[in-house]
Amino acid sequence: MATALQKVQEVERRVQSVEQPFTDQFDQLNRGVVTSFQKGNITLLEFVDLIEAYNDSISQLNRLKADRVSAYEELNYLVGEDLFR
């Protein structure tokens, strides 16, 4: 059970260190990319590349959040109670 708790703490630390800065910065970057494309400052290929990179980053964040849910579920299972909902 101690290992499961350590896993929860580690994944929670990783999510907290990434989630808010990532969300703020990437939303702002995404708006900037769209604006630059609309103004003709970047090509369609550059736009698509940047949007794909944005989508990949969002996917990585979602995987990290899924890891967090799994860690909490494992701890709940080991304890035999719903500690976290």
C-alpha atoms as a PDB file:
ATOM      1  CA  MET A   1       0.000   0.000   0.000  1.00  0.00           C
ATOM      2  CA  ALA A   2       2.905   2.375   0.682  1.00  0.00           C
ATOM      3  CA  THR A   3       4.057   1.961  -2.918  1.00  0.00           C
ATOM      4  CA  ALA A   4       0.580   2.820  -4.223  1.00  0.00           C
ATOM      5  CA  LEU A   5       0.511   5.921  -2.025  1.00  0.00           C
ATOM      6  CA  GLN A   6       3.937   6.973  -3.295  1.00  0.00           C
ATOM      7  CA  LYS A   7       2.698   6.453  -6.852  1.00  0.00           C
ATOM      8  CA  VAL A   8      -0.312   8.693  -6.162  1.00  0.00           C
ATOM      9  CA  GLN A   9       1.921  11.371  -4.675  1.00  0.00           C
ATOM     10  CA  GLU A  10       4.357  11.243  -7.589  1.00  0.00           C
ATOM     11  CA  VAL A  11       1.736  11.374 -10.329  1.00  0.00           C
ATOM     12  CA  GLU A  12      -0.122  14.140  -8.481  1.00  0.00           C
ATOM     13  CA  ARG A  13       3.109  16.143  -8.248  1.00  0.00           C
ATOM     14  CA  ARG A  14       3.683  15.689 -11.991  1.00  0.00           C
ATOM     15  CA  VAL A  15       0.142  16.716 -12.894  1.00  0.00           C
ATOM     16  CA  GLN A  16       0.247  19.784 -10.637  1.00  0.00           C
ATOM     17  CA  SER A  17       3.606  20.911 -12.035  1.00  0.00           C
ATOM     18  CA  VAL A  18       2.378  20.681 -15.619  1.00  0.00           C
ATOM     19  CA  GLU A  19      -1.368  21.206 -15.717  1.00  0.00           C
ATOM     20  CA  GLN A  20      -1.949  24.914 -15.010  1.00  0.00           C
ATOM     21  CA  PRO A  21       1.144  26.371 -16.726  1.00  0.00           C
ATOM     22  CA  PHE A  22       0.570  24.057 -19.680  1.00  0.00           C
ATOM     23  CA  THR A  23      -3.087  24.971 -20.040  1.00  0.00           C
ATOM     24  CA  ASP A  24      -2.483  28.719 -19.812  1.00  0.00           C
ATOM     25  CA  GLN A  25       0.522  28.802 -22.134  1.00  0.00           C
ATOM     26  CA  PHE A  26      -0.797  26.429 -24.762  1.00  0.00           C
ATOM     27  CA  ASP A  27      -4.214  28.052 -25.004  1.00  0.00           C
ATOM     28  CA  GLN A  28      -2.482  31.381 -25.557  1.00  0.00           C
ATOM     29  CA  LEU A  29      -0.091  29.828 -28.074  1.00  0.00           C
ATOM     30  CA  ASN A  30      -2.963  28.151 -29.912  1.00  0.00           C
ATOM     31  CA  ARG A  31      -4.818  31.463 -30.260  1.00  0.00           C
ATOM     32  CA  GLY A  32      -1.619  33.078 -31.522  1.00  0.00           C
ATOM     33  CA  VAL A  33      -1.131  30.373 -34.149  1.00  0.00           C
ATOM     34  CA  VAL A  34      -4.692  30.789 -35.421  1.00  0.00           C
ATOM     35  CA  THR A  35      -4.308  34.573 -35.542  1.00  0.00           C
ATOM     36  CA  SER A  36      -0.968  34.297 -37.365  1.00  0.00           C
ATOM     37  CA  PHE A  37      -2.492  31.964 -39.926  1.00  0.00           C
ATOM     38  CA  GLN A  38      -5.501  34.238 -40.428  1.00  0.00           C
ATOM     39  CA  LYS A  39      -3.151  37.186 -41.023  1.00  0.00           C
ATOM     40  CA  GLY A  40      -1.072  35.143 -43.464  1.00  0.00           C
ATOM     41  CA  ASN A  41       2.047  35.227 -41.289  1.00  0.00           C
ATOM     42  CA  ILE A  42       2.455  31.447 -41.433  1.00  0.00           C
ATOM     43  CA  THR A  43       1.785  28.949 -44.204  1.00  0.00           C
ATOM     44  CA  LEU A  44      -0.831  26.231 -44.137  1.00  0.00           C
ATOM     45  CA  LEU A  45       1.894  23.617 -43.617  1.00  0.00           C
ATOM     46  CA  GLU A  46       3.322  25.526 -40.637  1.00  0.00           C
ATOM     47  CA  PHE A  47      -0.178  25.949 -39.240  1.00  0.00           C
ATOM     48  CA  VAL A  48      -0.923  22.222 -39.530  1.00  0.00           C
ATOM     49  CA  ASP A  49       2.441  21.323 -37.942  1.00  0.00           C
ATOM     50  CA  LEU A  50       1.798  23.641 -34.995  1.00  0.00           C
ATOM     51  CA  ILE A  51      -1.744  22.362 -34.491  1.00  0.00           C
ATOM     52  CA  GLU A  52      -0.477  18.754 -34.581  1.00  0.00           C
ATOM     53  CA  ALA A  53       2.164  19.614 -31.974  1.00  0.00           C
ATOM     54  CA  TYR A  54      -0.548  21.228 -29.850  1.00  0.00           C
ATOM     55  CA  ASN A  55      -2.744  18.119 -30.173  1.00  0.00           C
ATOM     56  CA  ASP A  56       0.188  15.867 -29.232  1.00  0.00           C
ATOM     57  CA  SER A  57       0.820  17.964 -26.138  1.00  0.00           C
ATOM     58  CA  ILE A  58      -2.840  17.786 -25.139  1.00  0.00           C
ATOM     59  CA  SER A  59      -2.721  13.995 -25.623  1.00  0.00           C
ATOM     60  CA  GLN A  60       0.316  13.752 -23.344  1.00  0.00           C
ATOM     61  CA  LEU A  61      -1.446  15.802 -20.669  1.00  0.00           C
ATOM     62  CA  ASN A  62      -4.519  13.582 -20.964  1.00  0.00           C
ATOM     63  CA  ARG A  63      -2.349  10.462 -20.573  1.00  0.00           C
ATOM     64  CA  LEU A  64      -0.815  11.970 -17.451  1.00  0.00           C
ATOM     65  CA  LYS A  65      -4.291  12.673 -16.066  1.00  0.00           C
ATOM     66  CA  ALA A  66      -5.324   9.092 -16.885  1.00  0.00           C
ATOM     67  CA  ASP A  67      -2.239   7.860 -15.005  1.00  0.00           C
ATOM     68  CA  ARG A  68      -3.404   9.931 -12.032  1.00  0.00           C
ATOM     69  CA  VAL A  69      -6.857   8.344 -12.106  1.00  0.00           C
ATOM     70  CA  SER A  70      -5.316   4.863 -12.328  1.00  0.00           C
ATOM     71  CA  ALA A  71      -3.018   5.553  -9.380  1.00  0.00           C
ATOM     72  CA  TYR A  72      -5.937   6.731  -7.250  1.00  0.00           C
ATOM     73  CA  GLU A  73      -8.052   3.737  -8.292  1.00  0.00           C
ATOM     74  CA  GLU A  74      -5.229   1.366  -7.370  1.00  0.00           C
ATOM     75  CA  LEU A  75      -4.904   2.948  -3.942  1.00  0.00           C
ATOM     76  CA  ASN A  76      -8.684   2.783  -3.429  1.00  0.00           C
ATOM     77  CA  TYR A  77      -8.599  -0.905  -4.363  1.00  0.00           C
ATOM     78  CA  LEU A  78      -5.741  -1.702  -2.000  1.00  0.00           C
ATOM     79  CA  VAL A  79      -7.379   0.116   0.904  1.00  0.00           C
ATOM     80  CA  GLY A  80     -10.792  -1.312   0.122  1.00  0.00           C
ATOM     81  CA  GLU A  81     -12.557   2.049   0.295  1.00  0.00           C
ATOM     82  CA  ASP A  82     -13.235   5.007  -1.956  1.00  0.00           C
ATOM     83  CA  LEU A  83     -10.748   7.477  -0.535  1.00  0.00           C
ATOM     84  CA  PHE A  84     -10.919   9.639  -3.632  1.00  0.00           C
ATOM     85  CA  ARG A  85     -13.878  10.241  -5.873  1.00  0.00           C
END
